[in-house]
């Protein structure tokens, strides 16, 4: 069994995760843009169009990154791709906060829940960026 020495996980397990993540990104891109489309969700407003491009970019970059990881699961590309995808994800989250393309109905507590979840996700991404930089630097320093 081949083990990725950086993560101590079997490479086959990592590849399965990358394949699943790539498939999820591809399915989401299809569902949002082809059918049934983002308009099928009743809680999304027309303001969703203001965030759709960056959401699509995020999903496409995630798909591409996971396909690269399938080919090179133990390389420095994984933390580099993680840094890029996390950075783009942070941009998406901040833009979602600014636009807030949701309508959960009058008197609903869901807008508060959505905002709290956005704050948690933004904070987590903000913390993850320097962690990924350190991971990338460590991987680059210990390249064989």
N, C-alpha and C. Protein backbone atom coordinates (compact mmCIF):
# COMPACT_ATOMS: atom_id res chain seq x y z
N UNK A 1 0.85 -1.18 0.00
CA UNK A 1 0.00 0.00 0.00
C UNK A 1 0.90 1.24 0.00
N UNK A 2 0.63 2.15 -0.91
CA UNK A 2 1.38 3.40 -0.99
C UNK A 2 0.74 4.42 -0.05
N UNK A 3 1.57 5.06 0.76
CA UNK A 3 1.09 6.05 1.72
C UNK A 3 1.70 7.40 1.39
N UNK A 4 0.88 8.41 1.39
CA UNK A 4 1.37 9.77 1.22
C UNK A 4 2.03 10.16 2.53
N UNK A 5 3.34 10.39 2.50
CA UNK A 5 4.06 10.68 3.74
C UNK A 5 3.68 12.03 4.33
N UNK A 6 3.14 12.93 3.54
CA UNK A 6 2.75 14.24 4.07
C UNK A 6 1.46 14.15 4.89
N UNK A 7 0.55 13.25 4.50
CA UNK A 7 -0.73 13.16 5.20
C UNK A 7 -0.90 11.85 5.94
N UNK A 8 -0.05 10.87 5.68
CA UNK A 8 -0.12 9.55 6.28
C UNK A 8 -1.42 8.82 5.93
N UNK A 9 -1.98 9.14 4.75
CA UNK A 9 -3.18 8.48 4.26
C UNK A 9 -2.81 7.65 3.04
N UNK A 10 -3.46 6.50 2.87
CA UNK A 10 -3.21 5.75 1.64
C UNK A 10 -3.57 6.58 0.42
N UNK A 11 -2.71 6.53 -0.61
CA UNK A 11 -2.92 7.33 -1.81
C UNK A 11 -4.25 6.97 -2.46
N UNK A 12 -4.65 5.70 -2.43
CA UNK A 12 -5.94 5.28 -3.00
C UNK A 12 -7.11 5.97 -2.32
N UNK A 13 -7.04 6.12 -1.01
CA UNK A 13 -8.09 6.82 -0.26
C UNK A 13 -8.14 8.29 -0.67
N UNK A 14 -6.99 8.90 -0.81
CA UNK A 14 -6.94 10.30 -1.25
C UNK A 14 -7.53 10.44 -2.64
N UNK A 15 -7.17 9.54 -3.53
CA UNK A 15 -7.67 9.63 -4.90
C UNK A 15 -9.19 9.47 -4.94
N UNK A 16 -9.72 8.61 -4.11
CA UNK A 16 -11.17 8.46 -4.04
C UNK A 16 -11.81 9.77 -3.61
N UNK A 17 -11.24 10.41 -2.61
CA UNK A 17 -11.76 11.69 -2.15
C UNK A 17 -11.70 12.76 -3.23
N UNK A 18 -10.60 12.79 -3.96
CA UNK A 18 -10.47 13.77 -5.04
C UNK A 18 -11.49 13.49 -6.15
N UNK A 19 -11.70 12.22 -6.47
CA UNK A 19 -12.67 11.86 -7.51
C UNK A 19 -14.09 12.26 -7.09
N UNK A 20 -14.43 12.00 -5.83
CA UNK A 20 -15.75 12.37 -5.33
C UNK A 20 -15.92 13.89 -5.35
N UNK A 21 -14.91 14.61 -4.90
CA UNK A 21 -14.99 16.08 -4.89
C UNK A 21 -15.12 16.63 -6.31
N UNK A 22 -14.38 16.07 -7.26
CA UNK A 22 -14.48 16.51 -8.66
C UNK A 22 -15.88 16.23 -9.18
N UNK A 23 -16.42 15.07 -8.88
CA UNK A 23 -17.77 14.72 -9.34
C UNK A 23 -18.81 15.65 -8.74
N UNK A 24 -18.69 15.98 -7.46
CA UNK A 24 -19.64 16.89 -6.81
C UNK A 24 -19.59 18.26 -7.48
N UNK A 25 -18.38 18.77 -7.74
CA UNK A 25 -18.25 20.06 -8.42
C UNK A 25 -18.88 20.03 -9.80
N UNK A 26 -18.65 18.95 -10.55
CA UNK A 26 -19.21 18.83 -11.90
C UNK A 26 -20.74 18.78 -11.84
N UNK A 27 -21.27 18.01 -10.92
CA UNK A 27 -22.74 17.90 -10.77
C UNK A 27 -23.32 19.26 -10.39
N UNK A 28 -22.70 19.95 -9.46
CA UNK A 28 -23.21 21.27 -9.06
C UNK A 28 -23.18 22.26 -10.22
N UNK A 29 -22.11 22.25 -10.99
CA UNK A 29 -22.05 23.12 -12.17
C UNK A 29 -23.20 22.82 -13.13
N UNK A 30 -23.47 21.55 -13.34
CA UNK A 30 -24.58 21.16 -14.22
C UNK A 30 -25.92 21.60 -13.64
N UNK A 31 -26.15 21.29 -12.37
CA UNK A 31 -27.44 21.61 -11.76
C UNK A 31 -27.71 23.11 -11.72
N UNK A 32 -26.68 23.90 -11.47
CA UNK A 32 -26.84 25.35 -11.37
C UNK A 32 -27.06 25.98 -12.75
N UNK A 33 -26.34 25.50 -13.74
CA UNK A 33 -26.32 26.18 -15.04
C UNK A 33 -27.13 25.53 -16.15
N UNK A 34 -27.45 24.25 -16.01
CA UNK A 34 -28.15 23.55 -17.07
C UNK A 34 -29.54 23.14 -16.61
N UNK A 35 -29.61 22.25 -15.69
CA UNK A 35 -30.93 21.81 -15.25
C UNK A 35 -30.88 21.20 -13.87
N UNK A 36 -31.73 21.60 -13.01
CA UNK A 36 -32.88 22.46 -13.25
C UNK A 36 -32.55 23.96 -13.23
N UNK A 37 -31.32 24.32 -12.86
CA UNK A 37 -30.94 25.73 -12.81
C UNK A 37 -31.16 26.30 -11.42
N UNK A 38 -30.41 27.34 -11.13
CA UNK A 38 -30.49 27.94 -9.79
C UNK A 38 -31.87 28.52 -9.52
N UNK A 39 -32.60 28.89 -10.57
CA UNK A 39 -33.93 29.49 -10.40
C UNK A 39 -34.93 28.52 -9.76
N UNK A 40 -34.62 27.22 -9.79
CA UNK A 40 -35.53 26.22 -9.23
C UNK A 40 -35.59 26.28 -7.70
N UNK A 41 -34.62 26.91 -7.09
CA UNK A 41 -34.62 27.03 -5.63
C UNK A 41 -35.41 28.26 -5.22
N UNK A 42 -36.52 28.08 -4.53
CA UNK A 42 -37.42 29.20 -4.26
C UNK A 42 -36.84 30.27 -3.32
N UNK A 43 -35.82 29.94 -2.57
CA UNK A 43 -35.26 30.93 -1.64
C UNK A 43 -34.17 31.78 -2.27
N UNK A 44 -33.81 31.51 -3.53
CA UNK A 44 -32.83 32.35 -4.22
C UNK A 44 -33.55 33.45 -4.99
N UNK A 45 -33.05 34.66 -4.85
CA UNK A 45 -33.65 35.81 -5.53
C UNK A 45 -32.93 36.07 -6.86
N UNK A 46 -33.43 37.03 -7.60
CA UNK A 46 -32.78 37.40 -8.86
C UNK A 46 -31.38 37.97 -8.62
N UNK A 47 -31.10 38.38 -7.40
CA UNK A 47 -29.75 38.86 -7.04
C UNK A 47 -28.70 37.76 -7.16
N UNK A 48 -29.14 36.52 -7.23
CA UNK A 48 -28.21 35.40 -7.39
C UNK A 48 -27.34 35.58 -8.62
N UNK A 49 -27.89 36.21 -9.65
CA UNK A 49 -27.11 36.45 -10.87
C UNK A 49 -25.85 37.26 -10.59
N UNK A 50 -25.87 38.07 -9.53
CA UNK A 50 -24.71 38.90 -9.18
C UNK A 50 -23.56 38.09 -8.59
N UNK A 51 -23.84 36.87 -8.13
CA UNK A 51 -22.80 36.02 -7.55
C UNK A 51 -22.53 34.77 -8.39
N UNK A 52 -23.32 34.57 -9.41
CA UNK A 52 -23.27 33.33 -10.18
C UNK A 52 -21.92 33.13 -10.87
N UNK A 53 -21.34 34.15 -11.42
CA UNK A 53 -20.06 34.00 -12.13
C UNK A 53 -18.98 33.53 -11.16
N UNK A 54 -18.85 34.15 -10.02
CA UNK A 54 -17.80 33.76 -9.08
C UNK A 54 -18.07 32.38 -8.48
N UNK A 55 -19.34 32.03 -8.29
CA UNK A 55 -19.67 30.67 -7.82
C UNK A 55 -19.24 29.66 -8.88
N UNK A 56 -19.53 29.94 -10.15
CA UNK A 56 -19.13 29.05 -11.23
C UNK A 56 -17.61 28.94 -11.33
N UNK A 57 -16.91 30.05 -11.18
CA UNK A 57 -15.45 30.02 -11.20
C UNK A 57 -14.93 29.14 -10.07
N UNK A 58 -15.49 29.31 -8.89
CA UNK A 58 -15.07 28.52 -7.74
C UNK A 58 -15.28 27.02 -7.99
N UNK A 59 -16.44 26.66 -8.50
CA UNK A 59 -16.72 25.25 -8.77
C UNK A 59 -15.81 24.70 -9.87
N UNK A 60 -15.58 25.48 -10.92
CA UNK A 60 -14.72 25.04 -12.02
C UNK A 60 -13.27 24.87 -11.56
N UNK A 61 -12.78 25.81 -10.75
CA UNK A 61 -11.42 25.69 -10.24
C UNK A 61 -11.31 24.50 -9.30
N UNK A 62 -12.32 24.28 -8.48
CA UNK A 62 -12.33 23.11 -7.61
C UNK A 62 -12.32 21.81 -8.39
N UNK A 63 -13.11 21.76 -9.45
CA UNK A 63 -13.14 20.58 -10.33
C UNK A 63 -11.76 20.35 -10.94
N UNK A 64 -11.18 21.40 -11.51
CA UNK A 64 -9.86 21.27 -12.13
C UNK A 64 -8.80 20.85 -11.12
N UNK A 65 -8.82 21.46 -9.95
CA UNK A 65 -7.83 21.13 -8.92
C UNK A 65 -7.93 19.65 -8.52
N UNK A 66 -9.14 19.18 -8.32
CA UNK A 66 -9.30 17.78 -7.91
C UNK A 66 -8.88 16.81 -9.01
N UNK A 67 -9.08 17.19 -10.27
CA UNK A 67 -8.60 16.35 -11.37
C UNK A 67 -7.07 16.31 -11.39
N UNK A 68 -6.42 17.44 -11.09
CA UNK A 68 -4.96 17.47 -11.00
C UNK A 68 -4.50 16.61 -9.83
N UNK A 69 -5.20 16.71 -8.69
CA UNK A 69 -4.83 15.91 -7.52
C UNK A 69 -4.92 14.41 -7.81
N UNK A 70 -5.87 14.02 -8.65
CA UNK A 70 -5.98 12.60 -9.01
C UNK A 70 -4.69 12.10 -9.65
N UNK A 71 -4.07 12.95 -10.46
CA UNK A 71 -2.84 12.57 -11.14
C UNK A 71 -1.62 12.67 -10.23
N UNK A 72 -1.62 13.63 -9.33
CA UNK A 72 -0.45 13.88 -8.47
C UNK A 72 -0.87 14.08 -7.01
N UNK A 73 -1.35 13.03 -6.33
CA UNK A 73 -1.91 13.21 -4.98
C UNK A 73 -0.90 13.55 -3.89
N UNK A 74 0.37 13.31 -4.12
CA UNK A 74 1.32 13.59 -3.05
C UNK A 74 2.27 14.74 -3.39
N UNK A 75 1.94 15.51 -4.39
CA UNK A 75 2.84 16.58 -4.80
C UNK A 75 2.53 17.88 -4.08
N UNK A 76 3.34 18.87 -4.35
CA UNK A 76 3.13 20.22 -3.81
C UNK A 76 1.90 20.87 -4.43
N UNK A 77 1.37 20.28 -5.51
CA UNK A 77 0.19 20.84 -6.16
C UNK A 77 -1.04 20.82 -5.25
N UNK A 78 -1.11 19.86 -4.34
CA UNK A 78 -2.27 19.75 -3.46
C UNK A 78 -2.37 20.97 -2.53
N UNK A 79 -1.33 21.33 -1.79
CA UNK A 79 -1.47 22.54 -0.97
C UNK A 79 -1.56 23.82 -1.81
N UNK A 80 -0.92 23.84 -2.97
CA UNK A 80 -1.04 25.02 -3.84
C UNK A 80 -2.47 25.18 -4.33
N UNK A 81 -3.05 24.08 -4.79
CA UNK A 81 -4.44 24.11 -5.22
C UNK A 81 -5.39 24.43 -4.09
N UNK A 82 -5.09 23.92 -2.91
CA UNK A 82 -5.91 24.22 -1.74
C UNK A 82 -5.89 25.70 -1.40
N UNK A 83 -4.72 26.31 -1.56
CA UNK A 83 -4.60 27.75 -1.32
C UNK A 83 -5.45 28.53 -2.32
N UNK A 84 -5.37 28.15 -3.59
CA UNK A 84 -6.14 28.84 -4.63
C UNK A 84 -7.64 28.64 -4.41
N UNK A 85 -8.06 27.40 -4.19
CA UNK A 85 -9.49 27.15 -4.03
C UNK A 85 -10.05 27.79 -2.76
N UNK A 86 -9.26 27.80 -1.70
CA UNK A 86 -9.71 28.46 -0.47
C UNK A 86 -9.82 29.96 -0.67
N UNK A 87 -8.85 30.55 -1.37
CA UNK A 87 -8.90 31.99 -1.65
C UNK A 87 -10.12 32.36 -2.47
N UNK A 88 -10.39 31.58 -3.51
CA UNK A 88 -11.57 31.85 -4.33
C UNK A 88 -12.84 31.63 -3.52
N UNK A 89 -12.85 30.59 -2.72
CA UNK A 89 -14.01 30.34 -1.85
C UNK A 89 -14.27 31.48 -0.90
N UNK A 90 -13.20 32.08 -0.37
CA UNK A 90 -13.34 33.23 0.51
C UNK A 90 -13.97 34.41 -0.23
N UNK A 91 -13.55 34.62 -1.47
CA UNK A 91 -14.15 35.68 -2.29
C UNK A 91 -15.65 35.41 -2.49
N UNK A 92 -16.01 34.16 -2.78
CA UNK A 92 -17.42 33.79 -2.96
C UNK A 92 -18.21 34.09 -1.69
N UNK A 93 -17.68 33.69 -0.56
CA UNK A 93 -18.40 33.89 0.71
C UNK A 93 -18.60 35.37 1.02
N UNK A 94 -17.56 36.17 0.81
CA UNK A 94 -17.68 37.61 1.07
C UNK A 94 -18.71 38.22 0.11
N UNK A 95 -18.67 37.80 -1.14
CA UNK A 95 -19.64 38.32 -2.12
C UNK A 95 -21.07 37.90 -1.75
N UNK A 96 -21.23 36.66 -1.28
CA UNK A 96 -22.55 36.20 -0.83
C UNK A 96 -23.04 37.06 0.34
N UNK A 97 -22.13 37.40 1.23
CA UNK A 97 -22.49 38.26 2.36
C UNK A 97 -22.96 39.62 1.85
N UNK A 98 -22.22 40.19 0.91
CA UNK A 98 -22.54 41.51 0.39
C UNK A 98 -23.88 41.52 -0.35
N UNK A 99 -24.09 40.55 -1.21
CA UNK A 99 -25.29 40.51 -2.04
C UNK A 99 -26.46 39.88 -1.30
N UNK A 100 -26.21 38.85 -0.53
CA UNK A 100 -27.20 38.07 0.21
C UNK A 100 -28.43 37.79 -0.66
N UNK A 101 -28.26 36.89 -1.65
CA UNK A 101 -29.32 36.63 -2.63
C UNK A 101 -30.38 35.63 -2.14
N UNK A 102 -30.74 35.75 -0.89
CA UNK A 102 -31.69 34.81 -0.30
C UNK A 102 -32.94 35.53 0.17
N UNK A 103 -34.06 34.84 0.03
CA UNK A 103 -35.33 35.34 0.57
C UNK A 103 -36.04 34.15 1.21
N UNK A 104 -36.02 34.13 2.52
CA UNK A 104 -36.62 33.02 3.25
C UNK A 104 -38.02 33.33 3.74
N UNK A 105 -38.53 34.49 3.38
CA UNK A 105 -39.88 34.86 3.79
C UNK A 105 -39.86 35.75 5.03
N UNK A 106 -40.90 36.56 5.14
CA UNK A 106 -41.01 37.49 6.27
C UNK A 106 -41.17 36.71 7.57
N UNK A 107 -40.51 37.18 8.59
CA UNK A 107 -40.63 36.58 9.92
C UNK A 107 -39.83 35.31 10.10
N UNK A 108 -39.09 34.90 9.09
CA UNK A 108 -38.29 33.68 9.19
C UNK A 108 -36.99 33.95 9.93
N UNK A 109 -36.50 32.95 10.63
CA UNK A 109 -35.22 33.07 11.32
C UNK A 109 -34.08 32.57 10.44
N UNK A 110 -34.39 32.05 9.24
CA UNK A 110 -33.37 31.54 8.34
C UNK A 110 -32.35 32.58 7.88
N UNK A 111 -32.73 33.84 7.66
CA UNK A 111 -31.69 34.82 7.28
C UNK A 111 -30.59 34.94 8.35
N UNK A 112 -30.97 34.88 9.60
CA UNK A 112 -29.98 34.94 10.68
C UNK A 112 -29.09 33.71 10.65
N UNK A 113 -29.69 32.55 10.47
CA UNK A 113 -28.91 31.31 10.38
C UNK A 113 -27.93 31.39 9.21
N UNK A 114 -28.41 31.84 8.05
CA UNK A 114 -27.56 31.94 6.87
C UNK A 114 -26.40 32.91 7.11
N UNK A 115 -26.66 34.03 7.75
CA UNK A 115 -25.60 35.01 8.02
C UNK A 115 -24.57 34.45 9.01
N UNK A 116 -25.04 33.75 10.04
CA UNK A 116 -24.12 33.15 11.00
C UNK A 116 -23.24 32.11 10.31
N UNK A 117 -23.85 31.28 9.46
CA UNK A 117 -23.07 30.28 8.73
C UNK A 117 -22.06 30.94 7.78
N UNK A 118 -22.45 32.03 7.15
CA UNK A 118 -21.51 32.76 6.30
C UNK A 118 -20.34 33.31 7.11
N UNK A 119 -20.63 33.86 8.29
CA UNK A 119 -19.56 34.39 9.16
C UNK A 119 -18.60 33.27 9.55
N UNK A 120 -19.14 32.13 9.94
CA UNK A 120 -18.30 30.99 10.33
C UNK A 120 -17.44 30.54 9.16
N UNK A 121 -18.04 30.44 7.98
CA UNK A 121 -17.30 30.00 6.79
C UNK A 121 -16.22 31.01 6.40
N UNK A 122 -16.54 32.29 6.49
CA UNK A 122 -15.54 33.34 6.17
C UNK A 122 -14.39 33.26 7.16
N UNK A 123 -14.70 33.13 8.44
CA UNK A 123 -13.64 33.04 9.46
C UNK A 123 -12.78 31.80 9.24
N UNK A 124 -13.42 30.68 8.96
CA UNK A 124 -12.67 29.45 8.71
C UNK A 124 -11.76 29.57 7.50
N UNK A 125 -12.26 30.17 6.44
CA UNK A 125 -11.45 30.36 5.24
C UNK A 125 -10.32 31.34 5.49
N UNK A 126 -10.61 32.39 6.24
CA UNK A 126 -9.59 33.39 6.57
C UNK A 126 -8.45 32.74 7.36
N UNK A 127 -8.78 31.83 8.26
CA UNK A 127 -7.78 31.10 9.04
C UNK A 127 -7.05 30.09 8.16
N UNK A 128 -7.78 29.46 7.24
CA UNK A 128 -7.20 28.40 6.41
C UNK A 128 -6.14 28.92 5.44
N UNK A 129 -6.26 30.15 4.98
CA UNK A 129 -5.31 30.66 3.99
C UNK A 129 -3.87 30.64 4.51
N UNK A 130 -3.56 31.21 5.68
CA UNK A 130 -2.17 31.13 6.14
C UNK A 130 -1.74 29.69 6.47
N UNK A 131 -2.67 28.87 6.92
CA UNK A 131 -2.34 27.47 7.19
C UNK A 131 -1.91 26.78 5.90
N UNK A 132 -2.63 27.06 4.83
CA UNK A 132 -2.29 26.46 3.54
C UNK A 132 -0.97 27.00 3.00
N UNK A 133 -0.67 28.27 3.28
CA UNK A 133 0.62 28.84 2.87
C UNK A 133 1.76 28.11 3.58
N UNK A 134 1.60 27.88 4.87
CA UNK A 134 2.62 27.16 5.65
C UNK A 134 2.76 25.72 5.13
N UNK A 135 1.63 25.08 4.82
CA UNK A 135 1.66 23.72 4.28
C UNK A 135 2.39 23.68 2.95
N UNK A 136 2.10 24.64 2.10
CA UNK A 136 2.76 24.71 0.80
C UNK A 136 4.26 24.94 0.98
N UNK A 137 4.64 25.84 1.87
CA UNK A 137 6.06 26.12 2.11
C UNK A 137 6.75 24.87 2.65
N UNK A 138 6.10 24.17 3.55
CA UNK A 138 6.68 22.94 4.09
C UNK A 138 6.85 21.87 3.03
N UNK A 139 5.86 21.74 2.16
CA UNK A 139 5.92 20.75 1.09
C UNK A 139 7.02 21.11 0.11
N UNK A 140 7.15 22.39 -0.21
CA UNK A 140 8.19 22.83 -1.13
C UNK A 140 9.59 22.63 -0.54
N UNK A 141 9.71 22.85 0.75
CA UNK A 141 11.00 22.72 1.43
C UNK A 141 11.45 21.25 1.49
N UNK A 142 10.50 20.33 1.59
CA UNK A 142 10.83 18.90 1.75
C UNK A 142 10.64 18.10 0.47
N UNK A 143 10.67 18.77 -0.67
CA UNK A 143 10.53 18.06 -1.95
C UNK A 143 11.70 17.12 -2.14
N UNK A 144 11.41 15.89 -2.62
CA UNK A 144 12.52 14.94 -2.85
C UNK A 144 13.35 15.34 -4.05
